[in-house]
Amino acid sequence: MSIDMGVSKKLFLSIVLLVIAIGLIWLGKTLVISKKEYTVIQNGRQPNFAPQAVTGDINQSWDHIELGNEYFKTQNYEKAAEEFRQAYSTTYGSKSLSGLKLARTYEKLERFDDGIKLLDDMIVRGYLSEQGIQNANDVKSRLLTAKSQAAQNAQAQPS
């Protein structure tokens, strides 16, 4: 039994196309799965697929940030500070966002030293991008000015 060369070429090409199609389907499923995963970027490293415990921590962090935002909008700064502090304390949450929000809340609560210490710590630990450092320095400048003003007002008041 002899196979025509044209038929064998067609059979070979069909097999190659089938292998490519299967590969693309597998890759497509992998990409779909990847879209459902969360990634964590720390200290400029490449993203890694995050296990469930990490995604739970991230989700918890965002829940606290959202609650903190709501409390901040209603000027309930004590509760906002607590929510932002909890978000900041999660292992894989957004340290930069929750920390900056916490520092701004400390500003509203007139807890200037707490805000300054937090911002300095965030900068030293490398939690902030260049833009984040600029934002932190802007908030820190306001905190230092407000602290100085509060000290002057305290001295000006009679004992």
C-alpha atoms as a PDB file:
ATOM      1  CA  MET A   1       0.000   0.000   0.000  1.00  0.00           C
ATOM      2  CA  SER A   2       1.546   3.227  -1.132  1.00  0.00           C
ATOM      3  CA  ILE A   3       0.641   6.731   0.095  1.00  0.00           C
ATOM      4  CA  ASP A   4       0.789   9.585  -2.374  1.00  0.00           C
ATOM      5  CA  MET A   5       3.400  12.245  -1.386  1.00  0.00           C
ATOM      6  CA  GLY A   6       0.768  14.971  -1.621  1.00  0.00           C
ATOM      7  CA  VAL A   7      -1.421  13.105   0.848  1.00  0.00           C
ATOM      8  CA  SER A   8       1.479  12.539   3.267  1.00  0.00           C
ATOM      9  CA  LYS A   9       2.336  16.250   3.191  1.00  0.00           C
ATOM     10  CA  LYS A  10      -1.292  17.109   3.892  1.00  0.00           C
ATOM     11  CA  LEU A  11      -1.388  14.578   6.737  1.00  0.00           C
ATOM     12  CA  PHE A  12       1.835  15.985   8.192  1.00  0.00           C
ATOM     13  CA  LEU A  13       0.552  19.573   7.975  1.00  0.00           C
ATOM     14  CA  SER A  14      -2.754  18.530   9.532  1.00  0.00           C
ATOM     15  CA  ILE A  15      -0.938  16.963  12.468  1.00  0.00           C
ATOM     16  CA  VAL A  16       1.237  20.070  12.920  1.00  0.00           C
ATOM     17  CA  LEU A  17      -1.831  22.332  12.834  1.00  0.00           C
ATOM     18  CA  LEU A  18      -3.615  20.063  15.306  1.00  0.00           C
ATOM     19  CA  VAL A  19      -0.661  20.234  17.717  1.00  0.00           C
ATOM     20  CA  ILE A  20      -0.556  24.027  17.366  1.00  0.00           C
ATOM     21  CA  ALA A  21      -4.321  24.269  17.931  1.00  0.00           C
ATOM     22  CA  ILE A  22      -4.118  22.104  21.045  1.00  0.00           C
ATOM     23  CA  GLY A  23      -1.241  24.242  22.310  1.00  0.00           C
ATOM     24  CA  LEU A  24      -3.201  27.451  21.731  1.00  0.00           C
ATOM     25  CA  ILE A  25      -6.246  26.028  23.463  1.00  0.00           C
ATOM     26  CA  TRP A  26      -4.111  24.994  26.439  1.00  0.00           C
ATOM     27  CA  LEU A  27      -2.432  28.405  26.502  1.00  0.00           C
ATOM     28  CA  GLY A  28      -5.812  30.107  26.282  1.00  0.00           C
ATOM     29  CA  LYS A  29      -7.048  28.155  29.293  1.00  0.00           C
ATOM     30  CA  THR A  30      -3.874  29.067  31.145  1.00  0.00           C
ATOM     31  CA  LEU A  31      -4.404  32.749  30.358  1.00  0.00           C
ATOM     32  CA  VAL A  32      -8.010  32.585  31.532  1.00  0.00           C
ATOM     33  CA  ILE A  33      -6.882  31.022  34.803  1.00  0.00           C
ATOM     34  CA  SER A  34      -4.164  33.656  35.136  1.00  0.00           C
ATOM     35  CA  LYS A  35      -6.691  36.473  34.854  1.00  0.00           C
ATOM     36  CA  LYS A  36      -8.499  35.062  37.868  1.00  0.00           C
ATOM     37  CA  GLU A  37      -5.371  34.978  39.995  1.00  0.00           C
ATOM     38  CA  TYR A  38      -4.103  37.915  41.988  1.00  0.00           C
ATOM     39  CA  THR A  39      -0.488  38.947  41.894  1.00  0.00           C
ATOM     40  CA  VAL A  40       1.651  40.527  44.513  1.00  0.00           C
ATOM     41  CA  ILE A  41       4.497  42.864  43.679  1.00  0.00           C
ATOM     42  CA  GLN A  42       6.877  43.529  46.511  1.00  0.00           C
ATOM     43  CA  ASN A  43       9.977  45.669  46.416  1.00  0.00           C
ATOM     44  CA  GLY A  44      10.034  45.827  42.614  1.00  0.00           C
ATOM     45  CA  ARG A  45      10.167  42.043  42.120  1.00  0.00           C
ATOM     46  CA  GLN A  46       8.293  40.319  39.355  1.00  0.00           C
ATOM     47  CA  PRO A  47       4.719  39.362  40.207  1.00  0.00           C
ATOM     48  CA  ASN A  48       4.076  35.901  41.601  1.00  0.00           C
ATOM     49  CA  PHE A  49       0.833  33.994  41.588  1.00  0.00           C
ATOM     50  CA  ALA A  50      -0.611  34.488  45.021  1.00  0.00           C
ATOM     51  CA  PRO A  51      -1.948  31.583  47.052  1.00  0.00           C
ATOM     52  CA  GLN A  52      -5.418  31.806  48.589  1.00  0.00           C
ATOM     53  CA  ALA A  53      -4.101  33.011  51.964  1.00  0.00           C
ATOM     54  CA  VAL A  54      -2.422  35.960  50.250  1.00  0.00           C
ATOM     55  CA  THR A  55      -5.466  36.920  48.195  1.00  0.00           C
ATOM     56  CA  GLY A  56      -7.567  36.721  51.364  1.00  0.00           C
ATOM     57  CA  ASP A  57      -5.132  39.104  53.055  1.00  0.00           C
ATOM     58  CA  ILE A  58      -5.281  41.487  50.088  1.00  0.00           C
ATOM     59  CA  ASN A  59      -9.078  41.405  50.023  1.00  0.00           C
ATOM     60  CA  GLN A  60      -9.201  42.027  53.770  1.00  0.00           C
ATOM     61  CA  SER A  61      -6.876  45.001  53.339  1.00  0.00           C
ATOM     62  CA  TRP A  62      -9.105  46.514  50.650  1.00  0.00           C
ATOM     63  CA  ASP A  63     -12.192  45.962  52.811  1.00  0.00           C
ATOM     64  CA  HIS A  64     -10.561  47.962  55.606  1.00  0.00           C
ATOM     65  CA  ILE A  65      -9.518  50.704  53.188  1.00  0.00           C
ATOM     66  CA  GLU A  66     -13.075  50.995  51.852  1.00  0.00           C
ATOM     67  CA  LEU A  67     -14.507  51.184  55.384  1.00  0.00           C
ATOM     68  CA  GLY A  68     -11.865  53.725  56.326  1.00  0.00           C
ATOM     69  CA  ASN A  69     -12.832  55.842  53.316  1.00  0.00           C
ATOM     70  CA  GLU A  70     -16.486  55.797  54.406  1.00  0.00           C
ATOM     71  CA  TYR A  71     -15.628  56.794  57.969  1.00  0.00           C
ATOM     72  CA  PHE A  72     -13.309  59.527  56.679  1.00  0.00           C
ATOM     73  CA  LYS A  73     -16.070  60.955  54.457  1.00  0.00           C
ATOM     74  CA  THR A  74     -18.389  61.194  57.477  1.00  0.00           C
ATOM     75  CA  GLN A  75     -15.584  62.786  59.531  1.00  0.00           C
ATOM     76  CA  ASN A  76     -15.425  59.852  61.936  1.00  0.00           C
ATOM     77  CA  TYR A  77     -11.647  60.044  61.986  1.00  0.00           C
ATOM     78  CA  GLU A  78     -11.073  57.699  64.945  1.00  0.00           C
ATOM     79  CA  LYS A  79     -12.875  54.844  63.180  1.00  0.00           C
ATOM     80  CA  ALA A  80     -11.201  55.749  59.864  1.00  0.00           C
ATOM     81  CA  ALA A  81      -7.787  55.603  61.549  1.00  0.00           C
ATOM     82  CA  GLU A  82      -8.588  52.171  63.005  1.00  0.00           C
ATOM     83  CA  GLU A  83      -9.633  50.805  59.597  1.00  0.00           C
ATOM     84  CA  PHE A  84      -6.599  52.252  57.810  1.00  0.00           C
ATOM     85  CA  ARG A  85      -4.336  50.924  60.602  1.00  0.00           C
ATOM     86  CA  GLN A  86      -5.800  47.434  60.150  1.00  0.00           C
ATOM     87  CA  ALA A  87      -5.316  47.652  56.370  1.00  0.00           C
ATOM     88  CA  TYR A  88      -1.728  48.802  56.895  1.00  0.00           C
ATOM     89  CA  SER A  89      -0.997  45.915  59.247  1.00  0.00           C
ATOM     90  CA  THR A  90      -1.932  43.181  56.746  1.00  0.00           C
ATOM     91  CA  THR A  91       1.023  41.329  55.324  1.00  0.00           C
ATOM     92  CA  TYR A  92       0.149  41.620  51.637  1.00  0.00           C
ATOM     93  CA  GLY A  93      -2.167  44.620  51.589  1.00  0.00           C
ATOM     94  CA  SER A  94      -1.422  47.993  50.074  1.00  0.00           C
ATOM     95  CA  LYS A  95       1.006  49.514  52.556  1.00  0.00           C
ATOM     96  CA  SER A  96       1.439  52.636  50.442  1.00  0.00           C
ATOM     97  CA  LEU A  97      -2.253  53.471  50.049  1.00  0.00           C
ATOM     98  CA  SER A  98      -3.373  52.539  53.557  1.00  0.00           C
ATOM     99  CA  GLY A  99      -0.328  54.217  55.119  1.00  0.00           C
ATOM    100  CA  LEU A 100      -0.845  57.502  53.286  1.00  0.00           C
ATOM    101  CA  LYS A 101      -4.544  57.471  54.169  1.00  0.00           C
ATOM    102  CA  LEU A 102      -3.685  56.744  57.797  1.00  0.00           C
ATOM    103  CA  ALA A 103      -1.207  59.646  57.870  1.00  0.00           C
ATOM    104  CA  ARG A 104      -3.864  62.011  56.458  1.00  0.00           C
ATOM    105  CA  THR A 105      -6.286  60.778  59.093  1.00  0.00           C
ATOM    106  CA  TYR A 106      -3.691  61.423  61.806  1.00  0.00           C
ATOM    107  CA  GLU A 107      -3.472  64.949  60.419  1.00  0.00           C
ATOM    108  CA  LYS A 108      -7.228  65.401  60.958  1.00  0.00           C
ATOM    109  CA  LEU A 109      -6.918  63.952  64.479  1.00  0.00           C
ATOM    110  CA  GLU A 110      -4.008  66.325  65.201  1.00  0.00           C
ATOM    111  CA  ARG A 111      -1.770  63.334  65.937  1.00  0.00           C
ATOM    112  CA  PHE A 112       1.090  64.960  64.111  1.00  0.00           C
ATOM    113  CA  ASP A 113       3.942  62.910  65.595  1.00  0.00           C
ATOM    114  CA  ASP A 114       2.182  59.632  64.752  1.00  0.00           C
ATOM    115  CA  GLY A 115       1.740  60.749  61.144  1.00  0.00           C
ATOM    116  CA  ILE A 116       5.336  61.919  60.791  1.00  0.00           C
ATOM    117  CA  LYS A 117       6.697  58.688  62.298  1.00  0.00           C
ATOM    118  CA  LEU A 118       4.501  56.573  60.006  1.00  0.00           C
ATOM    119  CA  LEU A 119       5.555  58.432  56.858  1.00  0.00           C
ATOM    120  CA  ASP A 120       9.247  58.231  57.771  1.00  0.00           C
ATOM    121  CA  ASP A 121       8.867  54.501  58.408  1.00  0.00           C
ATOM    122  CA  MET A 122       7.146  53.976  55.050  1.00  0.00           C
ATOM    123  CA  ILE A 123       9.943  55.773  53.220  1.00  0.00           C
ATOM    124  CA  VAL A 124      12.717  53.888  55.044  1.00  0.00           C
ATOM    125  CA  ARG A 125      11.068  50.491  54.434  1.00  0.00           C
ATOM    126  CA  GLY A 126      10.674  51.222  50.722  1.00  0.00           C
ATOM    127  CA  TYR A 127       6.879  50.947  50.673  1.00  0.00           C
ATOM    128  CA  LEU A 128       6.510  53.966  48.398  1.00  0.00           C
ATOM    129  CA  SER A 129       7.226  54.733  44.769  1.00  0.00           C
ATOM    130  CA  GLU A 130       8.874  58.016  43.815  1.00  0.00           C
ATOM    131  CA  GLN A 131       5.411  59.587  43.477  1.00  0.00           C
ATOM    132  CA  GLY A 132       4.431  58.042  46.819  1.00  0.00           C
ATOM    133  CA  ILE A 133       7.493  59.554  48.473  1.00  0.00           C
ATOM    134  CA  GLN A 134       6.565  62.943  47.046  1.00  0.00           C
ATOM    135  CA  ASN A 135       2.999  62.554  48.390  1.00  0.00           C
ATOM    136  CA  ALA A 136       4.366  61.439  51.761  1.00  0.00           C
ATOM    137  CA  ASN A 137       6.684  64.450  51.921  1.00  0.00           C
ATOM    138  CA  ASP A 138       3.774  66.774  51.093  1.00  0.00           C
ATOM    139  CA  VAL A 139       1.700  65.289  53.923  1.00  0.00           C
ATOM    140  CA  LYS A 140       4.727  65.353  56.246  1.00  0.00           C
ATOM    141  CA  SER A 141       5.279  69.020  55.457  1.00  0.00           C
ATOM    142  CA  ARG A 142       1.653  69.779  56.391  1.00  0.00           C
ATOM    143  CA  LEU A 143       2.013  67.740  59.584  1.00  0.00           C
ATOM    144  CA  LEU A 144       5.188  69.601  60.593  1.00  0.00           C
ATOM    145  CA  THR A 145       3.552  72.966  59.892  1.00  0.00           C
ATOM    146  CA  ALA A 146       0.415  72.023  61.849  1.00  0.00           C
ATOM    147  CA  LYS A 147       2.545  70.699  64.740  1.00  0.00           C
ATOM    148  CA  SER A 148       4.506  73.947  64.844  1.00  0.00           C
ATOM    149  CA  GLN A 149       1.302  75.992  64.714  1.00  0.00           C
ATOM    150  CA  ALA A 150      -0.249  73.944  67.523  1.00  0.00           C
ATOM    151  CA  ALA A 151       2.867  74.490  69.670  1.00  0.00           C
ATOM    152  CA  GLN A 152       2.753  78.244  69.050  1.00  0.00           C
ATOM    153  CA  ASN A 153      -0.957  78.338  69.945  1.00  0.00           C
ATOM    154  CA  ALA A 154      -0.290  76.404  73.153  1.00  0.00           C
ATOM    155  CA  GLN A 155       2.434  78.886  74.154  1.00  0.00           C
ATOM    156  CA  ALA A 156       0.248  81.891  73.334  1.00  0.00           C
ATOM    157  CA  GLN A 157      -2.574  80.749  75.625  1.00  0.00           C
ATOM    158  CA  PRO A 158      -2.352  81.972  79.207  1.00  0.00           C
ATOM    159  CA  SER A 159      -1.731  79.291  81.819  1.00  0.00           C
END
